[in-house]
Amino acid sequence: MMKANITVTLKQGVLDTQGQAVKNALDSLEGSGVVSNVRIGKFIELDMNESDKKKAQVILERMCKKLLANPVIEDYHIEIDKIE
């Protein structure tokens, strides 16, 4: 069994309006200039019934490209850990 952690973020250069809104709110709370940039993404944690790490990687890549991320505007990073 495997546990996968997937982090999806907007690609550099893609306007992150949600991140900008959070930055503006933080500026009003803490004072302008404390935070220079905010990027918002999503974190997905999956438990997989797969024992082969290479197979799990292939499956996860397919999941990310087809559903979990929009490869046109988002990057994703996959981490896989084996559960004992």
C-alpha atoms as a PDB file:
ATOM      1  CA  MET A   1       0.000   0.000   0.000  1.00  0.00           C
ATOM      2  CA  MET A   2       1.207   3.498  -0.833  1.00  0.00           C
ATOM      3  CA  LYS A   3       0.414   6.985   0.398  1.00  0.00           C
ATOM      4  CA  ALA A   4       0.732   9.764  -2.161  1.00  0.00           C
ATOM      5  CA  ASN A   5       0.875  13.489  -1.518  1.00  0.00           C
ATOM      6  CA  ILE A   6       0.212  15.718  -4.510  1.00  0.00           C
ATOM      7  CA  THR A   7       0.744  19.467  -4.448  1.00  0.00           C
ATOM      8  CA  VAL A   8      -0.823  21.466  -7.285  1.00  0.00           C
ATOM      9  CA  THR A   9       0.130  25.113  -7.853  1.00  0.00           C
ATOM     10  CA  LEU A  10      -0.348  27.650 -10.595  1.00  0.00           C
ATOM     11  CA  LYS A  11       2.603  27.903 -12.967  1.00  0.00           C
ATOM     12  CA  GLN A  12       4.917  30.865 -12.575  1.00  0.00           C
ATOM     13  CA  GLY A  13       3.607  33.721 -14.671  1.00  0.00           C
ATOM     14  CA  VAL A  14      -0.055  32.729 -14.248  1.00  0.00           C
ATOM     15  CA  LEU A  15      -1.941  35.388 -12.309  1.00  0.00           C
ATOM     16  CA  ASP A  16      -2.977  34.039  -8.904  1.00  0.00           C
ATOM     17  CA  THR A  17      -5.948  36.235  -7.998  1.00  0.00           C
ATOM     18  CA  GLN A  18      -6.712  34.238  -4.852  1.00  0.00           C
ATOM     19  CA  GLY A  19      -3.109  34.578  -3.709  1.00  0.00           C
ATOM     20  CA  GLN A  20      -3.213  38.325  -4.395  1.00  0.00           C
ATOM     21  CA  ALA A  21      -6.403  38.676  -2.340  1.00  0.00           C
ATOM     22  CA  VAL A  22      -4.780  36.826   0.581  1.00  0.00           C
ATOM     23  CA  LYS A  23      -1.641  38.996   0.274  1.00  0.00           C
ATOM     24  CA  ASN A  24      -3.770  42.153   0.379  1.00  0.00           C
ATOM     25  CA  ALA A  25      -5.593  40.887   3.478  1.00  0.00           C
ATOM     26  CA  LEU A  26      -2.292  40.026   5.167  1.00  0.00           C
ATOM     27  CA  ASP A  27      -0.930  43.477   4.294  1.00  0.00           C
ATOM     28  CA  SER A  28      -3.923  45.079   6.022  1.00  0.00           C
ATOM     29  CA  LEU A  29      -3.456  42.836   9.076  1.00  0.00           C
ATOM     30  CA  GLU A  30       0.315  42.959   9.447  1.00  0.00           C
ATOM     31  CA  GLY A  31       1.337  46.046   7.522  1.00  0.00           C
ATOM     32  CA  SER A  32       2.393  46.429   3.932  1.00  0.00           C
ATOM     33  CA  GLY A  33       5.680  44.785   2.974  1.00  0.00           C
ATOM     34  CA  VAL A  34       5.713  41.983   5.562  1.00  0.00           C
ATOM     35  CA  VAL A  35       4.637  39.435   2.922  1.00  0.00           C
ATOM     36  CA  SER A  36       6.028  39.895  -0.585  1.00  0.00           C
ATOM     37  CA  ASN A  37       4.022  37.233  -2.445  1.00  0.00           C
ATOM     38  CA  VAL A  38       1.335  34.605  -1.841  1.00  0.00           C
ATOM     39  CA  ARG A  39       0.585  31.649  -4.114  1.00  0.00           C
ATOM     40  CA  ILE A  40      -2.452  29.471  -3.383  1.00  0.00           C
ATOM     41  CA  GLY A  41      -2.570  25.833  -4.413  1.00  0.00           C
ATOM     42  CA  LYS A  42      -4.150  22.574  -3.403  1.00  0.00           C
ATOM     43  CA  PHE A  43      -2.887  19.554  -1.494  1.00  0.00           C
ATOM     44  CA  ILE A  44      -4.254  16.090  -2.223  1.00  0.00           C
ATOM     45  CA  GLU A  45      -3.495  13.008  -0.112  1.00  0.00           C
ATOM     46  CA  LEU A  46      -4.282   9.564  -1.536  1.00  0.00           C
ATOM     47  CA  ASP A  47      -3.986   6.039  -0.148  1.00  0.00           C
ATOM     48  CA  MET A  48      -3.335   3.591  -2.969  1.00  0.00           C
ATOM     49  CA  ASN A  49      -3.704  -0.170  -3.187  1.00  0.00           C
ATOM     50  CA  GLU A  50      -0.440  -0.485  -5.078  1.00  0.00           C
ATOM     51  CA  SER A  51       2.814  -1.988  -3.846  1.00  0.00           C
ATOM     52  CA  ASP A  52       5.049  -1.055  -6.799  1.00  0.00           C
ATOM     53  CA  LYS A  53       6.286   2.537  -6.520  1.00  0.00           C
ATOM     54  CA  LYS A  54       6.979   2.870 -10.260  1.00  0.00           C
ATOM     55  CA  LYS A  55       3.458   1.709 -11.147  1.00  0.00           C
ATOM     56  CA  ALA A  56       2.016   4.072  -8.551  1.00  0.00           C
ATOM     57  CA  GLN A  57       4.002   6.960 -10.086  1.00  0.00           C
ATOM     58  CA  VAL A  58       2.622   6.199 -13.565  1.00  0.00           C
ATOM     59  CA  ILE A  59      -0.942   5.989 -12.241  1.00  0.00           C
ATOM     60  CA  LEU A  60      -0.572   9.238 -10.287  1.00  0.00           C
ATOM     61  CA  GLU A  61       0.904  11.064 -13.287  1.00  0.00           C
ATOM     62  CA  ARG A  62      -2.107   9.987 -15.332  1.00  0.00           C
ATOM     63  CA  MET A  63      -4.502  11.097 -12.567  1.00  0.00           C
ATOM     64  CA  CYS A  64      -2.834  14.505 -12.379  1.00  0.00           C
ATOM     65  CA  LYS A  65      -2.843  15.071 -16.134  1.00  0.00           C
ATOM     66  CA  LYS A  66      -6.463  13.973 -16.584  1.00  0.00           C
ATOM     67  CA  LEU A  67      -8.228  15.251 -13.451  1.00  0.00           C
ATOM     68  CA  LEU A  68      -6.267  16.587 -10.493  1.00  0.00           C
ATOM     69  CA  ALA A  69      -4.364  19.376 -12.272  1.00  0.00           C
ATOM     70  CA  ASN A  70      -4.763  21.504 -15.364  1.00  0.00           C
ATOM     71  CA  PRO A  71      -1.355  21.019 -17.053  1.00  0.00           C
ATOM     72  CA  VAL A  72      -1.855  24.170 -19.149  1.00  0.00           C
ATOM     73  CA  ILE A  73      -1.787  26.503 -16.135  1.00  0.00           C
ATOM     74  CA  GLU A  74      -0.776  24.312 -13.178  1.00  0.00           C
ATOM     75  CA  ASP A  75       2.294  22.416 -12.037  1.00  0.00           C
ATOM     76  CA  TYR A  76       2.107  19.415  -9.746  1.00  0.00           C
ATOM     77  CA  HIS A  77       4.551  17.587  -7.509  1.00  0.00           C
ATOM     78  CA  ILE A  78       4.055  13.977  -6.409  1.00  0.00           C
ATOM     79  CA  GLU A  79       5.555  12.366  -3.306  1.00  0.00           C
ATOM     80  CA  ILE A  80       5.012   8.657  -2.673  1.00  0.00           C
ATOM     81  CA  ASP A  81       5.634   6.827   0.588  1.00  0.00           C
ATOM     82  CA  LYS A  82       5.188   3.122   1.193  1.00  0.00           C
ATOM     83  CA  ILE A  83       2.876   2.299   4.094  1.00  0.00           C
ATOM     84  CA  GLU A  84       4.035  -0.662   6.153  1.00  0.00           C
END
